[in-house]
């Protein structure tokens, strides 16, 4: 992953700016630069979220931190 973070404000945040929840998304360093297959990841203390950067409001995958680490270890091994 690269270090470029894109902040996302939760749709559950109040309209006056109070009690906001934000998540930092970062684009995979393995994503193509031509607008093709792009994956973004956001990590919280209890979950790792994965989404298609071309469909930011679309579905997201949610992993536990342990499951995400297992996935990364497997992906690096192949």
PDB file of N, CA and C in Angstrom:
ATOM      1  N   UNK A   1       0.828  -1.179   0.000  1.00  0.00           N
ATOM      2  CA  UNK A   1       0.000   0.000   0.000  1.00  0.00           C
ATOM      3  C   UNK A   1       0.878   1.250   0.000  1.00  0.00           C
ATOM      4  N   UNK A   2       0.403   2.287  -0.656  1.00  0.00           N
ATOM      5  CA  UNK A   2       1.154   3.526  -0.606  1.00  0.00           C
ATOM      6  C   UNK A   2       0.677   4.358   0.575  1.00  0.00           C
ATOM      7  N   UNK A   3       1.297   5.503   0.810  1.00  0.00           N
ATOM      8  CA  UNK A   3       0.960   6.296   1.983  1.00  0.00           C
ATOM      9  C   UNK A   3      -0.023   7.414   1.686  1.00  0.00           C
ATOM     10  N   UNK A   4      -0.552   7.515   0.468  1.00  0.00           N
ATOM     11  CA  UNK A   4      -1.527   8.545   0.143  1.00  0.00           C
ATOM     12  C   UNK A   4      -2.869   8.176   0.765  1.00  0.00           C
ATOM     13  N   UNK A   5      -3.323   8.970   1.730  1.00  0.00           N
ATOM     14  CA  UNK A   5      -4.570   8.696   2.414  1.00  0.00           C
ATOM     15  C   UNK A   5      -5.670   9.592   1.871  1.00  0.00           C
ATOM     16  N   UNK A   6      -6.835   9.047   1.688  1.00  0.00           N
ATOM     17  CA  UNK A   6      -8.008   9.800   1.285  1.00  0.00           C
ATOM     18  C   UNK A   6      -9.025   9.642   2.405  1.00  0.00           C
ATOM     19  N   UNK A   7      -9.431  10.737   3.031  1.00  0.00           N
ATOM     20  CA  UNK A   7     -10.338  10.672   4.169  1.00  0.00           C
ATOM     21  C   UNK A   7     -11.777  10.608   3.702  1.00  0.00           C
ATOM     22  N   UNK A   8     -12.570   9.809   4.362  1.00  0.00           N
ATOM     23  CA  UNK A   8     -13.978   9.597   4.040  1.00  0.00           C
ATOM     24  C   UNK A   8     -14.789   9.877   5.291  1.00  0.00           C
ATOM     25  N   UNK A   9     -15.739  10.807   5.210  1.00  0.00           N
ATOM     26  CA  UNK A   9     -16.593  11.112   6.359  1.00  0.00           C
ATOM     27  C   UNK A   9     -17.806  10.193   6.329  1.00  0.00           C
ATOM     28  N   UNK A  10     -18.112   9.609   7.447  1.00  0.00           N
ATOM     29  CA  UNK A  10     -19.243   8.694   7.556  1.00  0.00           C
ATOM     30  C   UNK A  10     -20.550   9.399   7.227  1.00  0.00           C
ATOM     31  N   UNK A  11     -21.439   8.689   6.560  1.00  0.00           N
ATOM     32  CA  UNK A  11     -22.763   9.235   6.272  1.00  0.00           C
ATOM     33  C   UNK A  11     -23.597   9.365   7.547  1.00  0.00           C
ATOM     34  N   UNK A  12     -23.126   8.797   8.642  1.00  0.00           N
ATOM     35  CA  UNK A  12     -23.837   8.891   9.913  1.00  0.00           C
ATOM     36  C   UNK A  12     -23.389  10.102  10.736  1.00  0.00           C
ATOM     37  N   UNK A  13     -22.477  10.912  10.205  1.00  0.00           N
ATOM     38  CA  UNK A  13     -22.026  12.113  10.904  1.00  0.00           C
ATOM     39  C   UNK A  13     -23.132  13.152  10.869  1.00  0.00           C
ATOM     40  N   UNK A  14     -23.198  13.956  11.903  1.00  0.00           N
ATOM     41  CA  UNK A  14     -24.223  15.000  11.970  1.00  0.00           C
ATOM     42  C   UNK A  14     -23.981  16.109  10.956  1.00  0.00           C
ATOM     43  N   UNK A  15     -25.041  16.815  10.524  1.00  0.00           N
ATOM     44  CA  UNK A  15     -24.906  17.870   9.525  1.00  0.00           C
ATOM     45  C   UNK A  15     -24.130  19.093  10.030  1.00  0.00           C
ATOM     46  N   UNK A  16     -24.065  19.263  11.354  1.00  0.00           N
ATOM     47  CA  UNK A  16     -23.351  20.416  11.917  1.00  0.00           C
ATOM     48  C   UNK A  16     -21.875  20.127  12.173  1.00  0.00           C
ATOM     49  N   UNK A  17     -21.406  18.958  11.772  1.00  0.00           N
ATOM     50  CA  UNK A  17     -19.993  18.626  11.926  1.00  0.00           C
ATOM     51  C   UNK A  17     -19.650  17.949  13.232  1.00  0.00           C
ATOM     52  N   UNK A  18     -20.615  17.823  14.122  1.00  0.00           N
ATOM     53  CA  UNK A  18     -20.344  17.182  15.398  1.00  0.00           C
ATOM     54  C   UNK A  18     -20.343  15.671  15.285  1.00  0.00           C
ATOM     55  N   UNK A  19     -19.657  15.025  16.185  1.00  0.00           N
ATOM     56  CA  UNK A  19     -19.609  13.574  16.280  1.00  0.00           C
ATOM     57  C   UNK A  19     -19.354  12.902  14.933  1.00  0.00           C
ATOM     58  N   UNK A  20     -18.354  13.381  14.230  1.00  0.00           N
ATOM     59  CA  UNK A  20     -18.013  12.834  12.913  1.00  0.00           C
ATOM     60  C   UNK A  20     -17.129  11.606  13.045  1.00  0.00           C
ATOM     61  N   UNK A  21     -17.319  10.699  12.155  1.00  0.00           N
ATOM     62  CA  UNK A  21     -16.465   9.524  12.057  1.00  0.00           C
ATOM     63  C   UNK A  21     -15.820   9.565  10.683  1.00  0.00           C
ATOM     64  N   UNK A  22     -14.498   9.485  10.645  1.00  0.00           N
ATOM     65  CA  UNK A  22     -13.801   9.491   9.374  1.00  0.00           C
ATOM     66  C   UNK A  22     -12.888   8.276   9.279  1.00  0.00           C
ATOM     67  N   UNK A  23     -12.728   7.791   8.062  1.00  0.00           N
ATOM     68  CA  UNK A  23     -11.862   6.655   7.787  1.00  0.00           C
ATOM     69  C   UNK A  23     -10.874   7.075   6.714  1.00  0.00           C
ATOM     70  N   UNK A  24      -9.616   6.703   6.870  1.00  0.00           N
ATOM     71  CA  UNK A  24      -8.595   7.014   5.867  1.00  0.00           C
ATOM     72  C   UNK A  24      -8.469   5.848   4.901  1.00  0.00           C
ATOM     73  N   UNK A  25      -8.771   6.086   3.639  1.00  0.00           N
ATOM     74  CA  UNK A  25      -8.611   5.082   2.587  1.00  0.00           C
ATOM     75  C   UNK A  25      -7.283   5.299   1.900  1.00  0.00           C
ATOM     76  N   UNK A  26      -6.602   4.233   1.557  1.00  0.00           N
ATOM     77  CA  UNK A  26      -5.375   4.351   0.770  1.00  0.00           C
ATOM     78  C   UNK A  26      -5.438   3.376  -0.389  1.00  0.00           C
ATOM     79  N   UNK A  27      -4.933   3.834  -1.516  1.00  0.00           N
ATOM     80  CA  UNK A  27      -4.977   3.022  -2.730  1.00  0.00           C
ATOM     81  C   UNK A  27      -3.799   2.061  -2.734  1.00  0.00           C
ATOM     82  N   UNK A  28      -4.045   0.849  -3.160  1.00  0.00           N
ATOM     83  CA  UNK A  28      -3.002  -0.160  -3.239  1.00  0.00           C
ATOM     84  C   UNK A  28      -1.887   0.302  -4.172  1.00  0.00           C
ATOM     85  N   UNK A  29      -0.657   0.052  -3.779  1.00  0.00           N
ATOM     86  CA  UNK A  29       0.485   0.395  -4.635  1.00  0.00           C
ATOM     87  C   UNK A  29       0.540  -0.524  -5.848  1.00  0.00           C
ATOM     88  N   UNK A  30      -0.231  -1.613  -5.826  1.00  0.00           N
ATOM     89  CA  UNK A  30      -0.279  -2.538  -6.958  1.00  0.00           C
ATOM     90  C   UNK A  30      -1.409  -2.214  -7.930  1.00  0.00           C
ATOM     91  N   UNK A  31      -2.198  -1.183  -7.619  1.00  0.00           N
ATOM     92  CA  UNK A  31      -3.271  -0.789  -8.528  1.00  0.00           C
ATOM     93  C   UNK A  31      -2.668  -0.135  -9.752  1.00  0.00           C
ATOM     94  N   UNK A  32      -3.285  -0.361 -10.883  1.00  0.00           N
ATOM     95  CA  UNK A  32      -2.762   0.229 -12.118  1.00  0.00           C
ATOM     96  C   UNK A  32      -3.030   1.727 -12.117  1.00  0.00           C
ATOM     97  N   UNK A  33      -2.139   2.478 -12.721  1.00  0.00           N
ATOM     98  CA  UNK A  33      -2.264   3.928 -12.774  1.00  0.00           C
ATOM     99  C   UNK A  33      -3.133   4.421 -13.902  1.00  0.00           C
ATOM    100  N   UNK A  34      -3.677   3.529 -14.712  1.00  0.00           N
ATOM    101  CA  UNK A  34      -4.460   3.948 -15.873  1.00  0.00           C
ATOM    102  C   UNK A  34      -5.954   3.972 -15.598  1.00  0.00           C
ATOM    103  N   UNK A  35      -6.358   3.982 -14.326  1.00  0.00           N
ATOM    104  CA  UNK A  35      -7.769   3.996 -13.997  1.00  0.00           C
ATOM    105  C   UNK A  35      -8.404   2.620 -14.040  1.00  0.00           C
ATOM    106  N   UNK A  36      -7.588   1.597 -14.187  1.00  0.00           N
ATOM    107  CA  UNK A  36      -8.094   0.224 -14.253  1.00  0.00           C
ATOM    108  C   UNK A  36      -8.390  -0.341 -12.892  1.00  0.00           C
ATOM    109  N   UNK A  37      -7.887  -1.520 -12.633  1.00  0.00           N
ATOM    110  CA  UNK A  37      -8.189  -2.250 -11.413  1.00  0.00           C
ATOM    111  C   UNK A  37      -7.569  -1.583 -10.190  1.00  0.00           C
ATOM    112  N   UNK A  38      -8.383  -0.856  -9.433  1.00  0.00           N
ATOM    113  CA  UNK A  38      -7.891  -0.137  -8.257  1.00  0.00           C
ATOM    114  C   UNK A  38      -8.609  -0.610  -7.003  1.00  0.00           C
ATOM    115  N   UNK A  39      -7.827  -0.889  -5.982  1.00  0.00           N
ATOM    116  CA  UNK A  39      -8.362  -1.324  -4.701  1.00  0.00           C
ATOM    117  C   UNK A  39      -7.899  -0.346  -3.643  1.00  0.00           C
ATOM    118  N   UNK A  40      -8.824   0.036  -2.757  1.00  0.00           N
ATOM    119  CA  UNK A  40      -8.480   0.893  -1.628  1.00  0.00           C
ATOM    120  C   UNK A  40      -8.773   0.149  -0.339  1.00  0.00           C
ATOM    121  N   UNK A  41      -7.961   0.439   0.681  1.00  0.00           N
ATOM    122  CA  UNK A  41      -8.076  -0.227   1.979  1.00  0.00           C
ATOM    123  C   UNK A  41      -8.115   0.826   3.070  1.00  0.00           C
ATOM    124  N   UNK A  42      -8.964   0.602   4.068  1.00  0.00           N
ATOM    125  CA  UNK A  42      -9.012   1.448   5.258  1.00  0.00           C
ATOM    126  C   UNK A  42      -8.953   0.536   6.471  1.00  0.00           C
ATOM    127  N   UNK A  43      -8.135   0.911   7.444  1.00  0.00           N
ATOM    128  CA  UNK A  43      -7.984   0.091   8.645  1.00  0.00           C
ATOM    129  C   UNK A  43      -8.502   0.832   9.857  1.00  0.00           C
ATOM    130  N   UNK A  44      -9.278   0.148  10.672  1.00  0.00           N
ATOM    131  CA  UNK A  44      -9.702   0.657  11.966  1.00  0.00           C
ATOM    132  C   UNK A  44      -9.140  -0.295  13.020  1.00  0.00           C
ATOM    133  N   UNK A  45      -9.423  -0.041  14.268  1.00  0.00           N
ATOM    134  CA  UNK A  45      -8.915  -0.943  15.309  1.00  0.00           C
ATOM    135  C   UNK A  45      -9.615  -2.288  15.293  1.00  0.00           C
ATOM    136  N   UNK A  46     -10.824  -2.343  14.733  1.00  0.00           N
ATOM    137  CA  UNK A  46     -11.576  -3.600  14.772  1.00  0.00           C
ATOM    138  C   UNK A  46     -11.853  -4.217  13.407  1.00  0.00           C
ATOM    139  N   UNK A  47     -11.505  -3.515  12.314  1.00  0.00           N
ATOM    140  CA  UNK A  47     -11.823  -4.049  10.991  1.00  0.00           C
ATOM    141  C   UNK A  47     -10.905  -3.460   9.930  1.00  0.00           C
ATOM    142  N   UNK A  48     -10.776  -4.197   8.837  1.00  0.00           N
ATOM    143  CA  UNK A  48     -10.086  -3.720   7.643  1.00  0.00           C
ATOM    144  C   UNK A  48     -11.119  -3.743   6.521  1.00  0.00           C
ATOM    145  N   UNK A  49     -11.316  -2.591   5.879  1.00  0.00           N
ATOM    146  CA  UNK A  49     -12.313  -2.445   4.827  1.00  0.00           C
ATOM    147  C   UNK A  49     -11.617  -2.379   3.479  1.00  0.00           C
ATOM    148  N   UNK A  50     -12.209  -3.005   2.470  1.00  0.00           N
ATOM    149  CA  UNK A  50     -11.652  -3.021   1.127  1.00  0.00           C
ATOM    150  C   UNK A  50     -12.757  -2.614   0.162  1.00  0.00           C
ATOM    151  N   UNK A  51     -12.430  -1.713  -0.784  1.00  0.00           N
ATOM    152  CA  UNK A  51     -13.422  -1.279  -1.761  1.00  0.00           C
ATOM    153  C   UNK A  51     -12.781  -1.045  -3.118  1.00  0.00           C
ATOM    154  N   UNK A  52     -13.611  -0.972  -4.130  1.00  0.00           N
ATOM    155  CA  UNK A  52     -13.210  -0.625  -5.493  1.00  0.00           C
ATOM    156  C   UNK A  52     -13.131   0.895  -5.555  1.00  0.00           C
ATOM    157  N   UNK A  53     -11.979   1.449  -5.896  1.00  0.00           N
ATOM    158  CA  UNK A  53     -11.818   2.901  -5.883  1.00  0.00           C
ATOM    159  C   UNK A  53     -12.665   3.595  -6.954  1.00  0.00           C
ATOM    160  N   UNK A  54     -13.124   2.838  -7.948  1.00  0.00           N
ATOM    161  CA  UNK A  54     -13.968   3.432  -8.993  1.00  0.00           C
ATOM    162  C   UNK A  54     -15.433   3.476  -8.569  1.00  0.00           C
ATOM    163  N   UNK A  55     -15.774   2.783  -7.480  1.00  0.00           N
ATOM    164  CA  UNK A  55     -17.152   2.735  -6.998  1.00  0.00           C
ATOM    165  C   UNK A  55     -17.137   2.958  -5.493  1.00  0.00           C
ATOM    166  N   UNK A  56     -16.776   4.172  -5.078  1.00  0.00           N
ATOM    167  CA  UNK A  56     -16.558   4.474  -3.668  1.00  0.00           C
ATOM    168  C   UNK A  56     -17.795   4.270  -2.792  1.00  0.00           C
ATOM    169  N   UNK A  57     -18.978   4.399  -3.349  1.00  0.00           N
ATOM    170  CA  UNK A  57     -20.185   4.190  -2.554  1.00  0.00           C
ATOM    171  C   UNK A  57     -20.733   2.775  -2.721  1.00  0.00           C
ATOM    172  N   UNK A  58     -20.026   1.949  -3.466  1.00  0.00           N
ATOM    173  CA  UNK A  58     -20.461   0.574  -3.704  1.00  0.00           C
ATOM    174  C   UNK A  58     -20.151  -0.335  -2.538  1.00  0.00           C
ATOM    175  N   UNK A  59     -20.253  -1.627  -2.757  1.00  0.00           N
ATOM    176  CA  UNK A  59     -20.036  -2.591  -1.673  1.00  0.00           C
ATOM    177  C   UNK A  59     -18.599  -2.589  -1.174  1.00  0.00           C
ATOM    178  N   UNK A  60     -18.461  -2.961   0.079  1.00  0.00           N
ATOM    179  CA  UNK A  60     -17.140  -3.066   0.713  1.00  0.00           C
ATOM    180  C   UNK A  60     -17.014  -4.437   1.352  1.00  0.00           C
ATOM    181  N   UNK A  61     -15.810  -4.946   1.329  1.00  0.00           N
ATOM    182  CA  UNK A  61     -15.512  -6.171   2.059  1.00  0.00           C
ATOM    183  C   UNK A  61     -14.992  -5.776   3.433  1.00  0.00           C
ATOM    184  N   UNK A  62     -15.327  -6.537   4.444  1.00  0.00           N
ATOM    185  CA  UNK A  62     -14.859  -6.267   5.798  1.00  0.00           C
ATOM    186  C   UNK A  62     -14.157  -7.509   6.333  1.00  0.00           C
ATOM    187  N   UNK A  63     -12.936  -7.304   6.813  1.00  0.00           N
ATOM    188  CA  UNK A  63     -12.124  -8.379   7.378  1.00  0.00           C
ATOM    189  C   UNK A  63     -11.783  -8.038   8.819  1.00  0.00           C
ATOM    190  N   UNK A  64     -11.609  -9.042   9.651  1.00  0.00           N
ATOM    191  CA  UNK A  64     -11.014  -8.798  10.966  1.00  0.00           C
ATOM    192  C   UNK A  64      -9.537  -8.516  10.714  1.00  0.00           C
ATOM    193  N   UNK A  65      -8.866  -7.802  11.609  1.00  0.00           N
ATOM    194  CA  UNK A  65      -7.431  -7.565  11.408  1.00  0.00           C
ATOM    195  C   UNK A  65      -6.634  -8.870  11.264  1.00  0.00           C
ATOM    196  N   UNK A  66      -6.985  -9.903  12.016  1.00  0.00           N
ATOM    197  CA  UNK A  66      -6.271 -11.185  11.915  1.00  0.00           C
ATOM    198  C   UNK A  66      -6.504 -11.838  10.552  1.00  0.00           C
ATOM    199  N   UNK A  67      -7.739 -11.802  10.068  1.00  0.00           N
ATOM    200  CA  UNK A  67      -8.034 -12.387   8.754  1.00  0.00           C
ATOM    201  C   UNK A  67      -7.317 -11.606   7.653  1.00  0.00           C
ATOM    202  N   UNK A  68      -7.232 -10.302   7.788  1.00  0.00           N
ATOM    203  CA  UNK A  68      -6.530  -9.481   6.786  1.00  0.00           C
ATOM    204  C   UNK A  68      -5.049  -9.830   6.759  1.00  0.00           C
ATOM    205  N   UNK A  69      -4.441  -9.989   7.926  1.00  0.00           N
ATOM    206  CA  UNK A  69      -3.026 -10.352   7.981  1.00  0.00           C
ATOM    207  C   UNK A  69      -2.795 -11.728   7.353  1.00  0.00           C
ATOM    208  N   UNK A  70      -3.707 -12.651   7.588  1.00  0.00           N
ATOM    209  CA  UNK A  70      -3.603 -13.976   6.957  1.00  0.00           C
ATOM    210  C   UNK A  70      -3.714 -13.868   5.437  1.00  0.00           C
ATOM    211  N   UNK A  71      -4.643 -13.056   4.963  1.00  0.00           N
ATOM    212  CA  UNK A  71      -4.797 -12.841   3.524  1.00  0.00           C
ATOM    213  C   UNK A  71      -3.521 -12.253   2.923  1.00  0.00           C
ATOM    214  N   UNK A  72      -2.957 -11.225   3.573  1.00  0.00           N
ATOM    215  CA  UNK A  72      -1.720 -10.608   3.058  1.00  0.00           C
ATOM    216  C   UNK A  72      -0.584 -11.612   3.024  1.00  0.00           C
ATOM    217  N   UNK A  73      -0.447 -12.420   4.069  1.00  0.00           N
ATOM    218  CA  UNK A  73       0.616 -13.426   4.104  1.00  0.00           C
ATOM    219  C   UNK A  73       0.444 -14.411   2.941  1.00  0.00           C
ATOM    220  N   UNK A  74      -0.789 -14.844   2.698  1.00  0.00           N
ATOM    221  CA  UNK A  74      -1.043 -15.757   1.590  1.00  0.00           C
ATOM    222  C   UNK A  74      -0.748 -15.086   0.254  1.00  0.00           C
ATOM    223  N   UNK A  75      -1.219 -13.862   0.071  1.00  0.00           N
ATOM    224  CA  UNK A  75      -1.022 -13.149  -1.204  1.00  0.00           C
ATOM    225  C   UNK A  75       0.469 -12.944  -1.495  1.00  0.00           C
ATOM    226  N   UNK A  76       1.240 -12.678  -0.468  1.00  0.00           N
ATOM    227  CA  UNK A  76       2.691 -12.491  -0.664  1.00  0.00           C
ATOM    228  C   UNK A  76       3.396 -13.793  -1.004  1.00  0.00           C
ATOM    229  N   UNK A  77       2.799 -14.912  -0.614  1.00  0.00           N
ATOM    230  CA  UNK A  77       3.463 -16.203  -0.819  1.00  0.00           C
ATOM    231  C   UNK A  77       3.237 -16.778  -2.223  1.00  0.00           C
ATOM    232  N   UNK A  78       2.292 -16.240  -2.954  1.00  0.00           N
ATOM    233  CA  UNK A  78       2.006 -16.776  -4.293  1.00  0.00           C
ATOM    234  C   UNK A  78       2.607 -15.927  -5.384  1.00  0.00           C
TER     235      UNK A  78
END
